[in-house]
Amino acid sequence: QVQLVESGGGLVQPGGSMRLSCAASRSIFSINGMGWYRQAPGKQRELVVLMTSGSNTKYADSVKGRFTLSRDNAKNTVYLQMNSLKPEDTAVYYCNAIVVSLATTVDYWGQGTQVTVSS
């Protein structure tokens, strides 16, 4: 089991920056992948960024060069730094953790945090 607690959402103006945090209930070394998804009203949930245990990181094309995923192993926390925010980045952002055990893959999700980009 992995519990994920997100923080850092809110309202920001276009062009602004915001950092989201996701704290895991266990060592992130024991987690095979961590990342962020988002879901805008009326749209499907989409991948924003995913980091696997090999430190390979995949970003959605729409956020490349603007968003950066980082991790603090001592705090079991990953961060999503979002710069040059656009109105189309408005969504609920969900932290995701993937745990693979005995050939079974389990996804864990945070509760979601709202990010609104508006003037």
C-alpha atoms as a PDB file:
ATOM      1  CA  GLN A   1       0.000   0.000   0.000  1.00  0.00           C
ATOM      2  CA  VAL A   2       1.075   3.532  -0.747  1.00  0.00           C
ATOM      3  CA  GLN A   3      -0.683   6.657   0.441  1.00  0.00           C
ATOM      4  CA  LEU A   4       0.001   9.811  -1.526  1.00  0.00           C
ATOM      5  CA  VAL A   5      -0.653  13.307  -0.192  1.00  0.00           C
ATOM      6  CA  GLU A   6      -0.538  16.207  -2.610  1.00  0.00           C
ATOM      7  CA  SER A   7      -0.185  19.876  -1.886  1.00  0.00           C
ATOM      8  CA  GLY A   8       0.561  23.128  -3.640  1.00  0.00           C
ATOM      9  CA  GLY A   9      -2.348  23.781  -5.968  1.00  0.00           C
ATOM     10  CA  GLY A  10      -4.230  27.026  -6.319  1.00  0.00           C
ATOM     11  CA  LEU A  11      -4.754  29.994  -8.594  1.00  0.00           C
ATOM     12  CA  VAL A  12      -1.939  31.460 -10.670  1.00  0.00           C
ATOM     13  CA  GLN A  13      -1.808  33.980 -13.488  1.00  0.00           C
ATOM     14  CA  PRO A  14      -0.767  32.998 -16.997  1.00  0.00           C
ATOM     15  CA  GLY A  15       3.005  32.961 -17.279  1.00  0.00           C
ATOM     16  CA  GLY A  16       3.368  32.285 -13.584  1.00  0.00           C
ATOM     17  CA  SER A  17       4.891  29.377 -11.724  1.00  0.00           C
ATOM     18  CA  MET A  18       3.696  26.861  -9.191  1.00  0.00           C
ATOM     19  CA  ARG A  19       5.148  23.824  -7.451  1.00  0.00           C
ATOM     20  CA  LEU A  20       3.175  20.749  -6.513  1.00  0.00           C
ATOM     21  CA  SER A  21       4.351  18.258  -3.918  1.00  0.00           C
ATOM     22  CA  CYS A  22       3.473  14.607  -3.463  1.00  0.00           C
ATOM     23  CA  ALA A  23       4.521  12.860  -0.264  1.00  0.00           C
ATOM     24  CA  ALA A  24       4.505   9.068  -0.255  1.00  0.00           C
ATOM     25  CA  SER A  25       3.872   6.941   2.827  1.00  0.00           C
ATOM     26  CA  ARG A  26       6.874   4.744   2.138  1.00  0.00           C
ATOM     27  CA  SER A  27      10.310   4.998   0.635  1.00  0.00           C
ATOM     28  CA  ILE A  28      10.160   6.014  -2.997  1.00  0.00           C
ATOM     29  CA  PHE A  29      13.021   3.577  -3.608  1.00  0.00           C
ATOM     30  CA  SER A  30      10.423   0.837  -3.156  1.00  0.00           C
ATOM     31  CA  ILE A  31       8.146   2.412  -5.779  1.00  0.00           C
ATOM     32  CA  ASN A  32       8.695   1.513  -9.416  1.00  0.00           C
ATOM     33  CA  GLY A  33       7.373   4.720 -10.892  1.00  0.00           C
ATOM     34  CA  MET A  34       6.031   8.069  -9.761  1.00  0.00           C
ATOM     35  CA  GLY A  35       4.550  10.936 -11.645  1.00  0.00           C
ATOM     36  CA  TRP A  36       1.659  13.269 -12.264  1.00  0.00           C
ATOM     37  CA  TYR A  37      -1.500  13.116 -14.306  1.00  0.00           C
ATOM     38  CA  ARG A  38      -4.110  15.798 -14.819  1.00  0.00           C
ATOM     39  CA  GLN A  39      -7.754  15.972 -15.728  1.00  0.00           C
ATOM     40  CA  ALA A  40      -9.460  19.055 -17.094  1.00  0.00           C
ATOM     41  CA  PRO A  41     -13.253  19.442 -17.029  1.00  0.00           C
ATOM     42  CA  GLY A  42     -14.882  17.297 -19.679  1.00  0.00           C
ATOM     43  CA  LYS A  43     -11.608  15.641 -20.637  1.00  0.00           C
ATOM     44  CA  GLN A  44      -9.922  12.358 -19.904  1.00  0.00           C
ATOM     45  CA  ARG A  45      -7.115  12.077 -17.403  1.00  0.00           C
ATOM     46  CA  GLU A  46      -3.784  12.490 -19.168  1.00  0.00           C
ATOM     47  CA  LEU A  47      -0.154  11.873 -18.343  1.00  0.00           C
ATOM     48  CA  VAL A  48       1.877  14.922 -17.431  1.00  0.00           C
ATOM     49  CA  VAL A  49       5.137  13.279 -16.414  1.00  0.00           C
ATOM     50  CA  LEU A  50       6.308   9.881 -15.224  1.00  0.00           C
ATOM     51  CA  MET A  51       9.623   8.904 -13.653  1.00  0.00           C
ATOM     52  CA  THR A  52      10.499   5.229 -13.481  1.00  0.00           C
ATOM     53  CA  SER A  53      12.775   3.561 -10.973  1.00  0.00           C
ATOM     54  CA  GLY A  54      15.608   3.821 -13.475  1.00  0.00           C
ATOM     55  CA  SER A  55      15.255   7.611 -13.340  1.00  0.00           C
ATOM     56  CA  ASN A  56      13.940   7.675 -16.875  1.00  0.00           C
ATOM     57  CA  THR A  57      11.498  10.546 -17.153  1.00  0.00           C
ATOM     58  CA  LYS A  58       8.783  10.985 -19.748  1.00  0.00           C
ATOM     59  CA  TYR A  59       7.008  14.306 -20.225  1.00  0.00           C
ATOM     60  CA  ALA A  60       3.890  15.049 -22.203  1.00  0.00           C
ATOM     61  CA  ASP A  61       4.738  17.120 -25.271  1.00  0.00           C
ATOM     62  CA  SER A  62       2.485  19.890 -24.024  1.00  0.00           C
ATOM     63  CA  VAL A  63       4.620  20.476 -20.905  1.00  0.00           C
ATOM     64  CA  LYS A  64       8.144  19.774 -22.165  1.00  0.00           C
ATOM     65  CA  GLY A  65      10.495  22.616 -21.348  1.00  0.00           C
ATOM     66  CA  ARG A  66       8.038  24.130 -18.866  1.00  0.00           C
ATOM     67  CA  PHE A  67       7.479  21.445 -16.224  1.00  0.00           C
ATOM     68  CA  THR A  68      10.151  19.632 -14.235  1.00  0.00           C
ATOM     69  CA  LEU A  69       9.801  16.600 -12.016  1.00  0.00           C
ATOM     70  CA  SER A  70      12.225  16.194  -9.132  1.00  0.00           C
ATOM     71  CA  ARG A  71      12.487  14.053  -6.046  1.00  0.00           C
ATOM     72  CA  ASP A  72      13.706  14.248  -2.472  1.00  0.00           C
ATOM     73  CA  ASN A  73      14.472  10.695  -1.426  1.00  0.00           C
ATOM     74  CA  ALA A  74      14.941  11.600   2.230  1.00  0.00           C
ATOM     75  CA  LYS A  75      11.422  13.045   2.371  1.00  0.00           C
ATOM     76  CA  ASN A  76       9.828  10.390   0.128  1.00  0.00           C
ATOM     77  CA  THR A  77       8.498  13.280  -1.920  1.00  0.00           C
ATOM     78  CA  VAL A  78       8.334  14.189  -5.571  1.00  0.00           C
ATOM     79  CA  TYR A  79       7.801  17.699  -6.852  1.00  0.00           C
ATOM     80  CA  LEU A  80       6.358  19.104 -10.023  1.00  0.00           C
ATOM     81  CA  GLN A  81       7.737  22.526 -10.838  1.00  0.00           C
ATOM     82  CA  MET A  82       5.483  24.230 -13.356  1.00  0.00           C
ATOM     83  CA  ASN A  83       6.699  27.345 -15.148  1.00  0.00           C
ATOM     84  CA  SER A  84       5.248  29.500 -17.902  1.00  0.00           C
ATOM     85  CA  LEU A  85       1.783  28.280 -17.006  1.00  0.00           C
ATOM     86  CA  LYS A  86      -0.991  28.578 -19.549  1.00  0.00           C
ATOM     87  CA  PRO A  87      -4.771  28.610 -19.128  1.00  0.00           C
ATOM     88  CA  GLU A  88      -4.864  25.187 -20.783  1.00  0.00           C
ATOM     89  CA  ASP A  89      -2.831  23.811 -17.865  1.00  0.00           C
ATOM     90  CA  THR A  90      -5.899  24.301 -15.689  1.00  0.00           C
ATOM     91  CA  ALA A  91      -6.888  20.911 -14.301  1.00  0.00           C
ATOM     92  CA  VAL A  92      -6.970  18.712 -11.255  1.00  0.00           C
ATOM     93  CA  TYR A  93      -3.504  17.251 -10.866  1.00  0.00           C
ATOM     94  CA  TYR A  94      -3.114  13.762  -9.465  1.00  0.00           C
ATOM     95  CA  CYS A  95       0.015  12.183  -8.093  1.00  0.00           C
ATOM     96  CA  ASN A  96       0.537   8.605  -9.240  1.00  0.00           C
ATOM     97  CA  ALA A  97       2.678   5.780  -7.900  1.00  0.00           C
ATOM     98  CA  ILE A  98       3.234   2.445  -9.604  1.00  0.00           C
ATOM     99  CA  VAL A  99       4.265  -0.615  -7.634  1.00  0.00           C
ATOM    100  CA  VAL A 100       5.194  -3.845  -9.374  1.00  0.00           C
ATOM    101  CA  SER A 101       5.172  -6.972  -7.232  1.00  0.00           C
ATOM    102  CA  LEU A 102       5.139 -10.596  -8.330  1.00  0.00           C
ATOM    103  CA  ALA A 103       4.297  -9.549 -11.882  1.00  0.00           C
ATOM    104  CA  THR A 104       1.313  -7.538 -10.668  1.00  0.00           C
ATOM    105  CA  THR A 105       1.193  -3.812 -11.279  1.00  0.00           C
ATOM    106  CA  VAL A 106      -0.792  -1.616  -8.919  1.00  0.00           C
ATOM    107  CA  ASP A 107      -1.517   2.074  -9.405  1.00  0.00           C
ATOM    108  CA  TYR A 108      -1.970   4.366  -6.428  1.00  0.00           C
ATOM    109  CA  TRP A 109      -3.434   7.854  -6.640  1.00  0.00           C
ATOM    110  CA  GLY A 110      -3.475  10.957  -4.548  1.00  0.00           C
ATOM    111  CA  GLN A 111      -6.639  12.869  -3.830  1.00  0.00           C
ATOM    112  CA  GLY A 112      -5.920  15.478  -6.487  1.00  0.00           C
ATOM    113  CA  THR A 113      -5.135  19.169  -6.253  1.00  0.00           C
ATOM    114  CA  GLN A 114      -6.731  21.895  -8.335  1.00  0.00           C
ATOM    115  CA  VAL A 115      -4.523  24.126 -10.458  1.00  0.00           C
ATOM    116  CA  THR A 116      -6.228  27.097 -12.063  1.00  0.00           C
ATOM    117  CA  VAL A 117      -4.382  29.352 -14.490  1.00  0.00           C
ATOM    118  CA  SER A 118      -6.344  32.521 -15.023  1.00  0.00           C
ATOM    119  CA  SER A 119      -5.974  36.269 -14.988  1.00  0.00           C
END
